[in-house]
Amino acid sequence: MDNLKSFLTSWLTGYNMDPVLIGLIVTTAAIIGWVLIGSIFHIAIKIFISRLKAKERHMVRRQRTVTALILALIKYMFWFVMAMMVLKEFGLDLAPILASAGILGFAVGFGAQELIKDMIAGFFIIFEGAMNVGDFVEVGTFSGTVQEVGIRRTKILNWKNELRLVNNGDIKSLTNFSGKDSVGVVEFFVSAQFDLKHFTSDSFNDLLASYTKYEVITELPSFQGVVDSQLHNLKLRVIFKTQNQNHYSIERDLRRDIQIFIQNIREETKVF
């Protein structure tokens, strides 16, 4: 930028222009130059982010979260530098401005302790990998898919399309259900007089084996036996494993099929 200013000054001086006017033109040109550089950088960042989003399905969740954070920090830092350069072109001394900004930042930080707490918590959440974009988590009593992990707050979307903004400093406990296979559990009741041998029969085993039709299943359903007994009822359990967060619909289907199986046995044996 100094070379551009020197060139413009020499070129305009050759036209015998007023030095004050020359200085004004050179300063304006320098400011426009800094604004153009900032705009080009901003457009480049947007293009990079758009290409990044196009490839999100092929990226690791951790990479997406950290990359978005770094790009945001770079953008804000660059525009801060651009603002300082523009002020410098007006002939302002940056040292007092930066010193005042430091004092002001300390005062604001002292009065915004909650904000600082959220930011510190956000850094720990991101760099410790507690959760990433796309993870299914539970924060307090709210559970859903992480849409964005920011420095100050996290956005979580549940199955009702309700978006909750949670301040990072308010996250005292976090349950992350992503990363490993999900366990599906189907529990059902039969009477104490019901013959449990039906659940080790070939027909029931064929029912469980039929769930190979679901590609997301990683471990076929298996009968676990009696998990609780009451005066007139027995509680039984079947478990299976699926790819992460794909067990809900299969639980519903398996619960329906087991109830149909039990109903058929009841009609045959007349034991309810």
C-alpha atoms as a PDB file:
ATOM      1  CA  MET A   1       0.000   0.000   0.000  1.00  0.00           C
ATOM      2  CA  ASP A   2       2.929   2.374   0.660  1.00  0.00           C
ATOM      3  CA  ASN A   3       4.182   1.803  -2.894  1.00  0.00           C
ATOM      4  CA  LEU A   4       0.742   2.694  -4.254  1.00  0.00           C
ATOM      5  CA  LYS A   5       0.640   5.882  -2.195  1.00  0.00           C
ATOM      6  CA  SER A   6       4.118   6.885  -3.363  1.00  0.00           C
ATOM      7  CA  PHE A   7       3.195   6.245  -6.993  1.00  0.00           C
ATOM      8  CA  LEU A   8      -0.016   8.289  -6.745  1.00  0.00           C
ATOM      9  CA  THR A   9       1.743  11.142  -4.956  1.00  0.00           C
ATOM     10  CA  SER A  10       4.481  11.332  -7.632  1.00  0.00           C
ATOM     11  CA  TRP A  11       1.981  11.046 -10.459  1.00  0.00           C
ATOM     12  CA  LEU A  12      -0.373  13.727  -9.098  1.00  0.00           C
ATOM     13  CA  THR A  13       2.510  16.056  -8.230  1.00  0.00           C
ATOM     14  CA  GLY A  14       3.404  16.076 -11.923  1.00  0.00           C
ATOM     15  CA  TYR A  15       0.093  17.825 -12.599  1.00  0.00           C
ATOM     16  CA  ASN A  16       0.998  20.664 -10.174  1.00  0.00           C
ATOM     17  CA  MET A  17      -2.002  19.905  -7.967  1.00  0.00           C
ATOM     18  CA  ASP A  18      -2.525  21.343  -4.506  1.00  0.00           C
ATOM     19  CA  PRO A  19      -0.619  19.203  -1.926  1.00  0.00           C
ATOM     20  CA  VAL A  20      -3.677  19.139   0.347  1.00  0.00           C
ATOM     21  CA  LEU A  21      -5.815  17.792  -2.508  1.00  0.00           C
ATOM     22  CA  ILE A  22      -3.114  15.298  -3.392  1.00  0.00           C
ATOM     23  CA  GLY A  23      -3.019  14.059   0.196  1.00  0.00           C
ATOM     24  CA  LEU A  24      -6.820  13.731   0.246  1.00  0.00           C
ATOM     25  CA  ILE A  25      -6.866  11.767  -3.033  1.00  0.00           C
ATOM     26  CA  VAL A  26      -4.025   9.491  -1.933  1.00  0.00           C
ATOM     27  CA  THR A  27      -5.668   8.807   1.430  1.00  0.00           C
ATOM     28  CA  THR A  28      -9.019   8.068  -0.220  1.00  0.00           C
ATOM     29  CA  ALA A  29      -7.358   5.732  -2.718  1.00  0.00           C
ATOM     30  CA  ALA A  30      -5.557   3.909   0.110  1.00  0.00           C
ATOM     31  CA  ILE A  31      -8.811   3.464   2.064  1.00  0.00           C
ATOM     32  CA  ILE A  32     -10.561   2.165  -1.056  1.00  0.00           C
ATOM     33  CA  GLY A  33      -7.633  -0.203  -1.587  1.00  0.00           C
ATOM     34  CA  TRP A  34      -7.922  -1.619   1.937  1.00  0.00           C
ATOM     35  CA  VAL A  35     -11.692  -2.000   1.550  1.00  0.00           C
ATOM     36  CA  LEU A  36     -11.217  -3.854  -1.751  1.00  0.00           C
ATOM     37  CA  ILE A  37      -8.658  -6.183  -0.176  1.00  0.00           C
ATOM     38  CA  GLY A  38     -11.032  -6.870   2.696  1.00  0.00           C
ATOM     39  CA  SER A  39     -13.941  -7.492   0.322  1.00  0.00           C
ATOM     40  CA  ILE A  40     -11.919  -9.887  -1.822  1.00  0.00           C
ATOM     41  CA  PHE A  41     -10.814 -11.762   1.281  1.00  0.00           C
ATOM     42  CA  HIS A  42     -14.411 -11.891   2.546  1.00  0.00           C
ATOM     43  CA  ILE A  43     -15.664 -13.271  -0.798  1.00  0.00           C
ATOM     44  CA  ALA A  44     -12.862 -15.848  -0.814  1.00  0.00           C
ATOM     45  CA  ILE A  45     -13.865 -16.994   2.673  1.00  0.00           C
ATOM     46  CA  LYS A  46     -17.509 -17.327   1.573  1.00  0.00           C
ATOM     47  CA  ILE A  47     -16.517 -19.375  -1.487  1.00  0.00           C
ATOM     48  CA  PHE A  48     -14.343 -21.624   0.655  1.00  0.00           C
ATOM     49  CA  ILE A  49     -17.146 -22.164   3.171  1.00  0.00           C
ATOM     50  CA  SER A  50     -19.675 -22.927   0.423  1.00  0.00           C
ATOM     51  CA  ARG A  51     -17.346 -25.557  -1.049  1.00  0.00           C
ATOM     52  CA  LEU A  52     -16.774 -26.907   2.425  1.00  0.00           C
ATOM     53  CA  LYS A  53     -20.519 -27.304   2.987  1.00  0.00           C
ATOM     54  CA  ALA A  54     -20.859 -29.098  -0.349  1.00  0.00           C
ATOM     55  CA  LYS A  55     -18.410 -31.720   0.887  1.00  0.00           C
ATOM     56  CA  GLU A  56     -19.808 -31.996   4.422  1.00  0.00           C
ATOM     57  CA  ARG A  57     -21.124 -35.513   3.985  1.00  0.00           C
ATOM     58  CA  HIS A  58     -17.595 -36.702   3.221  1.00  0.00           C
ATOM     59  CA  MET A  59     -16.004 -34.884   6.138  1.00  0.00           C
ATOM     60  CA  VAL A  60     -15.512 -36.014   9.673  1.00  0.00           C
ATOM     61  CA  ARG A  61     -17.812 -34.197  12.108  1.00  0.00           C
ATOM     62  CA  ARG A  62     -14.871 -33.071  14.188  1.00  0.00           C
ATOM     63  CA  GLN A  63     -13.192 -31.472  11.152  1.00  0.00           C
ATOM     64  CA  ARG A  64     -16.362 -29.614  10.193  1.00  0.00           C
ATOM     65  CA  THR A  65     -16.836 -28.158  13.675  1.00  0.00           C
ATOM     66  CA  VAL A  66     -13.256 -26.978  14.164  1.00  0.00           C
ATOM     67  CA  THR A  67     -12.919 -25.698  10.582  1.00  0.00           C
ATOM     68  CA  ALA A  68     -16.053 -23.536  10.870  1.00  0.00           C
ATOM     69  CA  LEU A  69     -14.764 -22.083  14.130  1.00  0.00           C
ATOM     70  CA  ILE A  70     -11.316 -21.284  12.721  1.00  0.00           C
ATOM     71  CA  LEU A  71     -12.783 -19.640   9.617  1.00  0.00           C
ATOM     72  CA  ALA A  72     -15.025 -17.439  11.750  1.00  0.00           C
ATOM     73  CA  LEU A  73     -12.102 -16.351  13.929  1.00  0.00           C
ATOM     74  CA  ILE A  74      -9.950 -15.583  10.872  1.00  0.00           C
ATOM     75  CA  LYS A  75     -12.726 -13.476   9.337  1.00  0.00           C
ATOM     76  CA  TYR A  76     -13.258 -11.357  12.455  1.00  0.00           C
ATOM     77  CA  MET A  77      -9.541 -10.878  13.033  1.00  0.00           C
ATOM     78  CA  PHE A  78      -8.991  -9.828   9.424  1.00  0.00           C
ATOM     79  CA  TRP A  79     -11.729  -7.195   9.514  1.00  0.00           C
ATOM     80  CA  PHE A  80     -10.295  -5.843  12.758  1.00  0.00           C
ATOM     81  CA  VAL A  81      -6.924  -5.434  11.049  1.00  0.00           C
ATOM     82  CA  MET A  82      -8.631  -3.782   8.070  1.00  0.00           C
ATOM     83  CA  ALA A  83     -10.307  -1.275  10.384  1.00  0.00           C
ATOM     84  CA  MET A  84      -6.951  -0.450  11.988  1.00  0.00           C
ATOM     85  CA  MET A  85      -5.365   0.078   8.574  1.00  0.00           C
ATOM     86  CA  VAL A  86      -8.149   2.465   7.525  1.00  0.00           C
ATOM     87  CA  LEU A  87      -7.715   4.464  10.750  1.00  0.00           C
ATOM     88  CA  LYS A  88      -3.985   4.591  10.078  1.00  0.00           C
ATOM     89  CA  GLU A  89      -4.639   6.103   6.646  1.00  0.00           C
ATOM     90  CA  PHE A  90      -6.473   8.949   8.377  1.00  0.00           C
ATOM     91  CA  GLY A  91      -3.244   9.665  10.207  1.00  0.00           C
ATOM     92  CA  LEU A  92      -4.369   8.369  13.584  1.00  0.00           C
ATOM     93  CA  ASP A  93      -1.799   6.897  15.969  1.00  0.00           C
ATOM     94  CA  LEU A  94      -2.760   3.277  16.541  1.00  0.00           C
ATOM     95  CA  ALA A  95      -0.808   2.820  19.785  1.00  0.00           C
ATOM     96  CA  PRO A  96      -3.211   4.863  21.982  1.00  0.00           C
ATOM     97  CA  ILE A  97      -6.200   3.291  20.215  1.00  0.00           C
ATOM     98  CA  LEU A  98      -4.960  -0.234  20.862  1.00  0.00           C
ATOM     99  CA  ALA A  99      -4.118   0.633  24.458  1.00  0.00           C
ATOM    100  CA  SER A 100      -7.581   2.118  24.982  1.00  0.00           C
ATOM    101  CA  ALA A 101      -9.125  -0.929  23.346  1.00  0.00           C
ATOM    102  CA  GLY A 102      -7.229  -3.145  25.780  1.00  0.00           C
ATOM    103  CA  ILE A 103      -8.476  -1.173  28.785  1.00  0.00           C
ATOM    104  CA  LEU A 104     -12.000  -1.081  27.372  1.00  0.00           C
ATOM    105  CA  GLY A 105     -11.857  -4.810  26.698  1.00  0.00           C
ATOM    106  CA  PHE A 106     -10.793  -5.458  30.291  1.00  0.00           C
ATOM    107  CA  ALA A 107     -13.648  -3.321  31.616  1.00  0.00           C
ATOM    108  CA  VAL A 108     -16.193  -4.945  29.333  1.00  0.00           C
ATOM    109  CA  GLY A 109     -14.840  -8.394  30.188  1.00  0.00           C
ATOM    110  CA  PHE A 110     -15.152  -7.676  33.901  1.00  0.00           C
ATOM    111  CA  GLY A 111     -18.782  -6.714  33.405  1.00  0.00           C
ATOM    112  CA  ALA A 112     -19.505  -9.602  31.037  1.00  0.00           C
ATOM    113  CA  GLN A 113     -18.318 -12.524  33.087  1.00  0.00           C
ATOM    114  CA  GLU A 114     -21.151 -14.733  31.822  1.00  0.00           C
ATOM    115  CA  LEU A 115     -20.092 -14.080  28.240  1.00  0.00           C
ATOM    116  CA  ILE A 116     -16.464 -14.942  29.021  1.00  0.00           C
ATOM    117  CA  LYS A 117     -17.575 -18.087  30.871  1.00  0.00           C
ATOM    118  CA  ASP A 118     -19.584 -19.155  27.803  1.00  0.00           C
ATOM    119  CA  MET A 119     -16.628 -18.543  25.492  1.00  0.00           C
ATOM    120  CA  ILE A 120     -14.165 -20.457  27.669  1.00  0.00           C
ATOM    121  CA  ALA A 121     -16.614 -23.347  27.962  1.00  0.00           C
ATOM    122  CA  GLY A 122     -17.079 -23.242  24.172  1.00  0.00           C
ATOM    123  CA  PHE A 123     -13.349 -23.596  23.559  1.00  0.00           C
ATOM    124  CA  PHE A 124     -13.169 -26.615  25.871  1.00  0.00           C
ATOM    125  CA  ILE A 125     -16.225 -28.232  24.258  1.00  0.00           C
ATOM    126  CA  ILE A 126     -14.780 -27.825  20.768  1.00  0.00           C
ATOM    127  CA  PHE A 127     -11.175 -28.779  21.345  1.00  0.00           C
ATOM    128  CA  GLU A 128     -11.954 -31.639  23.724  1.00  0.00           C
ATOM    129  CA  GLY A 129     -14.399 -33.038  21.193  1.00  0.00           C
ATOM    130  CA  ALA A 130     -17.274 -33.279  23.687  1.00  0.00           C
ATOM    131  CA  MET A 131     -19.706 -32.893  20.792  1.00  0.00           C
ATOM    132  CA  ASN A 132     -19.535 -32.073  17.121  1.00  0.00           C
ATOM    133  CA  VAL A 133     -21.938 -30.954  14.415  1.00  0.00           C
ATOM    134  CA  GLY A 134     -24.285 -33.840  13.583  1.00  0.00           C
ATOM    135  CA  ASP A 135     -23.994 -35.586  16.963  1.00  0.00           C
ATOM    136  CA  PHE A 136     -27.132 -36.631  18.815  1.00  0.00           C
ATOM    137  CA  VAL A 137     -26.840 -35.292  22.358  1.00  0.00           C
ATOM    138  CA  GLU A 138     -28.832 -34.672  25.504  1.00  0.00           C
ATOM    139  CA  VAL A 139     -28.280 -31.472  27.477  1.00  0.00           C
ATOM    140  CA  GLY A 140     -30.350 -31.359  30.624  1.00  0.00           C
ATOM    141  CA  THR A 141     -33.789 -32.602  29.595  1.00  0.00           C
ATOM    142  CA  PHE A 142     -33.461 -31.555  25.942  1.00  0.00           C
ATOM    143  CA  SER A 143     -32.138 -33.979  23.336  1.00  0.00           C
ATOM    144  CA  GLY A 144     -31.536 -33.537  19.627  1.00  0.00           C
ATOM    145  CA  THR A 145     -29.005 -33.181  16.835  1.00  0.00           C
ATOM    146  CA  VAL A 146     -26.243 -30.586  17.134  1.00  0.00           C
ATOM    147  CA  GLN A 147     -26.646 -27.997  14.367  1.00  0.00           C
ATOM    148  CA  GLU A 148     -23.849 -25.636  15.358  1.00  0.00           C
ATOM    149  CA  VAL A 149     -21.176 -25.459  18.027  1.00  0.00           C
ATOM    150  CA  GLY A 150     -20.151 -21.837  18.500  1.00  0.00           C
ATOM    151  CA  ILE A 151     -17.810 -20.051  20.851  1.00  0.00           C
ATOM    152  CA  ARG A 152     -20.677 -18.709  22.943  1.00  0.00           C
ATOM    153  CA  ARG A 153     -23.630 -21.028  22.385  1.00  0.00           C
ATOM    154  CA  THR A 154     -24.671 -24.328  20.853  1.00  0.00           C
ATOM    155  CA  LYS A 155     -27.708 -24.954  18.633  1.00  0.00           C
ATOM    156  CA  ILE A 156     -29.586 -28.247  19.071  1.00  0.00           C
ATOM    157  CA  LEU A 157     -32.541 -29.376  16.925  1.00  0.00           C
ATOM    158  CA  ASN A 158     -34.897 -32.073  18.240  1.00  0.00           C
ATOM    159  CA  TRP A 159     -37.224 -34.415  16.328  1.00  0.00           C
ATOM    160  CA  LYS A 160     -40.047 -31.857  16.528  1.00  0.00           C
ATOM    161  CA  ASN A 161     -37.887 -29.327  14.641  1.00  0.00           C
ATOM    162  CA  GLU A 162     -37.600 -27.251  17.820  1.00  0.00           C
ATOM    163  CA  LEU A 163     -34.301 -25.375  17.866  1.00  0.00           C
ATOM    164  CA  ARG A 164     -32.796 -24.670  21.279  1.00  0.00           C
ATOM    165  CA  LEU A 165     -29.907 -22.280  21.875  1.00  0.00           C
ATOM    166  CA  VAL A 166     -27.856 -23.349  24.875  1.00  0.00           C
ATOM    167  CA  ASN A 167     -25.168 -21.111  26.363  1.00  0.00           C
ATOM    168  CA  ASN A 168     -21.996 -23.168  26.603  1.00  0.00           C
ATOM    169  CA  GLY A 169     -21.408 -22.044  30.169  1.00  0.00           C
ATOM    170  CA  ASP A 170     -24.772 -23.517  31.168  1.00  0.00           C
ATOM    171  CA  ILE A 171     -23.875 -27.016  29.971  1.00  0.00           C
ATOM    172  CA  LYS A 172     -23.204 -28.780  33.260  1.00  0.00           C
ATOM    173  CA  SER A 173     -23.820 -32.318  32.008  1.00  0.00           C
ATOM    174  CA  LEU A 174     -23.787 -33.665  28.467  1.00  0.00           C
ATOM    175  CA  THR A 175     -24.706 -37.071  27.082  1.00  0.00           C
ATOM    176  CA  ASN A 176     -23.415 -37.819  23.587  1.00  0.00           C
ATOM    177  CA  PHE A 177     -25.152 -40.757  21.896  1.00  0.00           C
ATOM    178  CA  SER A 178     -23.124 -40.605  18.681  1.00  0.00           C
ATOM    179  CA  GLY A 179     -20.020 -42.443  17.625  1.00  0.00           C
ATOM    180  CA  LYS A 180     -21.032 -46.014  18.492  1.00  0.00           C
ATOM    181  CA  ASP A 181     -23.803 -48.439  17.612  1.00  0.00           C
ATOM    182  CA  SER A 182     -27.167 -47.797  19.242  1.00  0.00           C
ATOM    183  CA  VAL A 183     -28.813 -50.487  21.365  1.00  0.00           C
ATOM    184  CA  GLY A 184     -32.484 -51.119  20.732  1.00  0.00           C
ATOM    185  CA  VAL A 185     -34.515 -52.504  23.636  1.00  0.00           C
ATOM    186  CA  VAL A 186     -37.997 -53.983  23.380  1.00  0.00           C
ATOM    187  CA  GLU A 187     -39.674 -55.007  26.643  1.00  0.00           C
ATOM    188  CA  PHE A 188     -43.052 -56.708  26.847  1.00  0.00           C
ATOM    189  CA  PHE A 189     -45.276 -58.466  29.362  1.00  0.00           C
ATOM    190  CA  VAL A 190     -46.876 -61.899  29.451  1.00  0.00           C
ATOM    191  CA  SER A 191     -48.921 -63.581  32.148  1.00  0.00           C
ATOM    192  CA  ALA A 192     -47.249 -65.814  34.706  1.00  0.00           C
ATOM    193  CA  GLN A 193     -49.058 -68.796  33.147  1.00  0.00           C
ATOM    194  CA  PHE A 194     -47.648 -68.145  29.670  1.00  0.00           C
ATOM    195  CA  ASP A 195     -45.241 -70.886  28.530  1.00  0.00           C
ATOM    196  CA  LEU A 196     -41.841 -69.218  28.044  1.00  0.00           C
ATOM    197  CA  LYS A 197     -40.706 -72.072  25.793  1.00  0.00           C
ATOM    198  CA  HIS A 198     -42.506 -70.279  22.981  1.00  0.00           C
ATOM    199  CA  PHE A 199     -39.721 -67.656  23.023  1.00  0.00           C
ATOM    200  CA  THR A 200     -37.077 -70.300  22.345  1.00  0.00           C
ATOM    201  CA  SER A 201     -39.102 -71.972  19.611  1.00  0.00           C
ATOM    202  CA  ASP A 202     -38.121 -72.048  15.953  1.00  0.00           C
ATOM    203  CA  SER A 203     -41.010 -69.752  14.999  1.00  0.00           C
ATOM    204  CA  PHE A 204     -39.857 -67.027  17.404  1.00  0.00           C
ATOM    205  CA  ASN A 205     -36.233 -67.436  16.359  1.00  0.00           C
ATOM    206  CA  ASP A 206     -37.316 -67.125  12.721  1.00  0.00           C
ATOM    207  CA  LEU A 207     -39.134 -63.917  13.647  1.00  0.00           C
ATOM    208  CA  LEU A 208     -35.967 -62.438  15.143  1.00  0.00           C
ATOM    209  CA  ALA A 209     -33.803 -63.673  12.264  1.00  0.00           C
ATOM    210  CA  SER A 210     -36.137 -62.003   9.748  1.00  0.00           C
ATOM    211  CA  TYR A 211     -34.744 -58.639  10.815  1.00  0.00           C
ATOM    212  CA  THR A 212     -31.768 -59.141   8.533  1.00  0.00           C
ATOM    213  CA  LYS A 213     -33.979 -57.186   6.092  1.00  0.00           C
ATOM    214  CA  TYR A 214     -32.872 -53.991   7.866  1.00  0.00           C
ATOM    215  CA  GLU A 215     -29.478 -52.950   6.517  1.00  0.00           C
ATOM    216  CA  VAL A 216     -28.830 -50.659   9.500  1.00  0.00           C
ATOM    217  CA  ILE A 217     -28.890 -53.574  11.966  1.00  0.00           C
ATOM    218  CA  THR A 218     -25.402 -54.522  13.136  1.00  0.00           C
ATOM    219  CA  GLU A 219     -26.480 -57.208  15.630  1.00  0.00           C
ATOM    220  CA  LEU A 220     -29.666 -59.224  15.201  1.00  0.00           C
ATOM    221  CA  PRO A 221     -32.350 -59.215  17.917  1.00  0.00           C
ATOM    222  CA  SER A 222     -31.795 -61.730  20.685  1.00  0.00           C
ATOM    223  CA  PHE A 223     -34.098 -62.868  23.461  1.00  0.00           C
ATOM    224  CA  GLN A 224     -32.703 -61.964  26.887  1.00  0.00           C
ATOM    225  CA  GLY A 225     -35.291 -63.716  29.020  1.00  0.00           C
ATOM    226  CA  VAL A 226     -37.200 -62.535  32.082  1.00  0.00           C
ATOM    227  CA  VAL A 227     -35.926 -59.214  33.480  1.00  0.00           C
ATOM    228  CA  ASP A 228     -38.632 -58.633  36.076  1.00  0.00           C
ATOM    229  CA  SER A 229     -41.453 -60.602  37.682  1.00  0.00           C
ATOM    230  CA  GLN A 230     -44.640 -59.430  39.314  1.00  0.00           C
ATOM    231  CA  LEU A 231     -47.546 -61.223  40.921  1.00  0.00           C
ATOM    232  CA  HIS A 232     -49.425 -61.884  37.679  1.00  0.00           C
ATOM    233  CA  ASN A 233     -47.010 -60.719  34.954  1.00  0.00           C
ATOM    234  CA  LEU A 234     -43.519 -61.356  33.692  1.00  0.00           C
ATOM    235  CA  LYS A 235     -41.433 -58.718  31.920  1.00  0.00           C
ATOM    236  CA  LEU A 236     -39.281 -60.017  29.065  1.00  0.00           C
ATOM    237  CA  ARG A 237     -36.696 -58.289  26.918  1.00  0.00           C
ATOM    238  CA  VAL A 238     -35.268 -58.463  23.410  1.00  0.00           C
ATOM    239  CA  ILE A 239     -32.244 -56.371  22.414  1.00  0.00           C
ATOM    240  CA  PHE A 240     -30.437 -55.604  19.153  1.00  0.00           C
ATOM    241  CA  LYS A 241     -27.901 -53.134  17.763  1.00  0.00           C
ATOM    242  CA  THR A 242     -28.082 -50.732  14.834  1.00  0.00           C
ATOM    243  CA  GLN A 243     -26.019 -48.035  13.253  1.00  0.00           C
ATOM    244  CA  ASN A 244     -26.057 -44.895  15.357  1.00  0.00           C
ATOM    245  CA  GLN A 245     -29.552 -43.533  16.074  1.00  0.00           C
ATOM    246  CA  ASN A 246     -31.323 -45.934  13.695  1.00  0.00           C
ATOM    247  CA  HIS A 247     -32.977 -48.107  16.331  1.00  0.00           C
ATOM    248  CA  TYR A 248     -36.211 -46.208  16.997  1.00  0.00           C
ATOM    249  CA  SER A 249     -38.255 -47.357  14.003  1.00  0.00           C
ATOM    250  CA  ILE A 250     -36.972 -50.929  14.347  1.00  0.00           C
ATOM    251  CA  GLU A 251     -38.034 -50.967  18.005  1.00  0.00           C
ATOM    252  CA  ARG A 252     -41.569 -50.071  16.921  1.00  0.00           C
ATOM    253  CA  ASP A 253     -41.634 -52.769  14.233  1.00  0.00           C
ATOM    254  CA  LEU A 254     -40.214 -55.435  16.527  1.00  0.00           C
ATOM    255  CA  ARG A 255     -42.638 -54.545  19.332  1.00  0.00           C
ATOM    256  CA  ARG A 256     -45.530 -54.883  16.890  1.00  0.00           C
ATOM    257  CA  ASP A 257     -44.318 -58.250  15.543  1.00  0.00           C
ATOM    258  CA  ILE A 258     -43.782 -59.656  19.042  1.00  0.00           C
ATOM    259  CA  GLN A 259     -47.284 -58.618  20.095  1.00  0.00           C
ATOM    260  CA  ILE A 260     -48.712 -60.324  17.008  1.00  0.00           C
ATOM    261  CA  PHE A 261     -46.690 -63.451  17.836  1.00  0.00           C
ATOM    262  CA  ILE A 262     -47.969 -63.466  21.436  1.00  0.00           C
ATOM    263  CA  GLN A 263     -51.549 -62.886  20.295  1.00  0.00           C
ATOM    264  CA  ASN A 264     -51.348 -65.886  17.937  1.00  0.00           C
ATOM    265  CA  ILE A 265     -49.987 -68.098  20.724  1.00  0.00           C
ATOM    266  CA  ARG A 266     -52.778 -66.944  23.043  1.00  0.00           C
ATOM    267  CA  GLU A 267     -55.411 -67.819  20.467  1.00  0.00           C
ATOM    268  CA  GLU A 268     -53.898 -71.255  19.989  1.00  0.00           C
ATOM    269  CA  THR A 269     -53.344 -72.124  23.661  1.00  0.00           C
ATOM    270  CA  LYS A 270     -56.171 -70.081  25.192  1.00  0.00           C
ATOM    271  CA  VAL A 271     -53.655 -68.927  27.838  1.00  0.00           C
ATOM    272  CA  PHE A 272     -53.814 -65.176  28.351  1.00  0.00           C
END
